[in-house]
Amino acid sequence: MFLIIVIAAVIAVMWWLSVTQSATNTFSLQQARAFQAARAGLEYGIARSLTSQTCSSFNLEGFQVAVICGSSTILQASVPEEGRDLVFHRVEATATYGSPGDPDYAYRRLTAVVEQP
């Protein structure tokens, strides 16, 4: 009887480890996909910002990607050695999948600042 209980406990522990391993792999994959979706949104926002177009949100393979663009100008008088006004564009991309509390929820936010050539 003791041997049956020990074997059953070992089987239960192995099953629990298997479920945990599977959930961890799925979570890691979703987070990697969220990072790539946010990166795509960042590249999209940089391209739109440099061509003076407005940024917008979009869906990408189930991910909701929100892109926010803004720009600021530093006048030549502030930086005389540049010989021109400096224009900086700030782009923020946020990728989400699912909603908080879901087992497959993923969220990534990336930000970049680009100087206009």
Protein backbone atom coordinates (compact mmCIF):
# COMPACT_ATOMS: atom_id res chain seq x y z
CA MET A 1 0.00 0.00 0.00
CA PHE A 2 2.83 2.37 0.86
CA LEU A 3 4.45 1.77 -2.54
CA ILE A 4 1.20 2.60 -4.37
CA ILE A 5 0.90 5.90 -2.47
CA VAL A 6 4.50 6.84 -3.24
CA ILE A 7 4.08 6.04 -6.95
CA ALA A 8 0.82 8.02 -7.08
CA ALA A 9 2.54 11.01 -5.44
CA VAL A 10 5.41 10.84 -7.94
CA ILE A 11 2.94 10.71 -10.85
CA ALA A 12 1.03 13.70 -9.45
CA VAL A 13 4.23 15.74 -9.07
CA MET A 14 5.32 14.86 -12.62
CA TRP A 15 1.92 15.90 -13.99
CA TRP A 16 2.07 19.21 -12.10
CA LEU A 17 5.60 19.91 -13.42
CA SER A 18 4.43 19.14 -16.96
CA VAL A 19 1.49 21.56 -16.71
CA THR A 20 3.73 24.28 -15.23
CA GLN A 21 6.36 23.79 -17.95
CA SER A 22 3.72 24.05 -20.68
CA ALA A 23 2.21 27.22 -19.21
CA THR A 24 5.67 28.79 -18.86
CA ASN A 25 6.52 28.05 -22.49
CA THR A 26 3.21 29.48 -23.70
CA PHE A 27 3.67 32.62 -21.59
CA SER A 28 7.23 33.13 -22.89
CA LEU A 29 6.06 32.75 -26.48
CA GLN A 30 3.25 35.28 -26.00
CA GLN A 31 5.64 37.79 -24.43
CA ALA A 32 8.08 37.39 -27.35
CA ARG A 33 5.24 37.92 -29.82
CA ALA A 34 4.12 41.02 -27.89
CA PHE A 35 7.67 42.41 -28.08
CA GLN A 36 7.79 41.87 -31.84
CA ALA A 37 4.36 43.47 -32.31
CA ALA A 38 5.47 46.51 -30.28
CA ARG A 39 8.66 46.69 -32.31
CA ALA A 40 6.65 46.66 -35.54
CA GLY A 41 4.51 49.46 -34.14
CA LEU A 42 7.63 51.43 -33.24
CA GLU A 43 9.03 51.10 -36.76
CA TYR A 44 5.66 52.06 -38.22
CA GLY A 45 5.48 55.12 -35.96
CA ILE A 46 9.02 56.23 -36.82
CA ALA A 47 8.31 55.98 -40.55
CA ARG A 48 5.02 57.90 -40.19
CA SER A 49 6.54 60.54 -37.93
CA LEU A 50 9.51 61.25 -40.21
CA THR A 51 7.17 61.77 -43.18
CA SER A 52 4.90 64.09 -41.14
CA GLN A 53 1.95 61.69 -41.19
CA THR A 54 -0.30 60.92 -38.25
CA CYS A 55 0.16 57.75 -36.25
CA SER A 56 -2.70 55.37 -35.55
CA SER A 57 -3.42 52.06 -33.85
CA PHE A 58 -3.71 48.75 -35.67
CA ASN A 59 -4.17 45.02 -35.12
CA LEU A 60 -1.39 42.55 -35.84
CA GLU A 61 -2.03 38.80 -35.52
CA GLY A 62 -4.42 39.27 -32.60
CA PHE A 63 -2.33 41.96 -30.89
CA GLN A 64 -3.74 45.46 -30.46
CA VAL A 65 -0.86 47.85 -31.20
CA ALA A 66 -1.29 51.47 -30.09
CA VAL A 67 1.19 53.97 -31.55
CA ILE A 68 1.62 57.50 -30.19
CA CYS A 69 3.84 60.03 -32.00
CA GLY A 70 5.03 63.45 -30.94
CA SER A 71 7.75 65.87 -31.97
CA SER A 72 9.68 68.76 -30.48
CA THR A 73 11.99 71.34 -31.99
CA ILE A 74 15.12 72.85 -30.46
CA LEU A 75 15.81 76.18 -32.11
CA GLN A 76 19.16 76.96 -33.68
CA ALA A 77 19.74 79.73 -31.13
CA SER A 78 19.84 77.07 -28.37
CA VAL A 79 22.42 74.93 -30.20
CA PRO A 80 24.44 77.27 -32.45
CA GLU A 81 27.10 74.68 -33.32
CA GLU A 82 24.48 72.60 -35.19
CA GLY A 83 23.72 75.39 -37.64
CA ARG A 84 20.07 74.33 -37.92
CA ASP A 85 16.99 73.67 -35.83
CA LEU A 86 16.91 70.20 -34.30
CA VAL A 87 13.68 68.22 -34.63
CA PHE A 88 13.16 65.19 -32.41
CA HIS A 89 10.33 62.69 -32.79
CA ARG A 90 9.19 60.58 -29.83
CA VAL A 91 7.34 57.39 -30.70
CA GLU A 92 5.71 55.01 -28.21
CA ALA A 93 4.25 51.65 -29.23
CA THR A 94 2.22 49.45 -26.90
CA ALA A 95 1.21 45.90 -27.85
CA THR A 96 -1.41 43.98 -25.86
CA TYR A 97 -3.00 40.58 -26.26
CA GLY A 98 -6.02 39.57 -24.22
CA SER A 99 -6.89 41.36 -21.02
CA PRO A 100 -5.23 41.43 -17.59
CA GLY A 101 -6.03 38.30 -15.64
CA ASP A 102 -6.25 36.05 -18.71
CA PRO A 103 -3.71 33.21 -18.71
CA ASP A 104 -2.39 34.25 -22.13
CA TYR A 105 -2.28 38.02 -21.47
CA ALA A 106 0.78 39.72 -22.93
CA TYR A 107 1.86 43.39 -22.80
CA ARG A 108 4.92 45.23 -24.08
CA ARG A 109 5.66 48.94 -24.48
CA LEU A 110 8.63 50.35 -26.40
CA THR A 111 9.71 53.98 -26.79
CA ALA A 112 12.15 55.62 -29.21
CA VAL A 113 13.39 59.14 -29.83
CA VAL A 114 14.62 59.89 -33.34
CA GLU A 115 16.32 63.02 -34.68
CA GLN A 116 15.05 64.10 -38.06
CA PRO A 117 17.93 64.26 -40.54
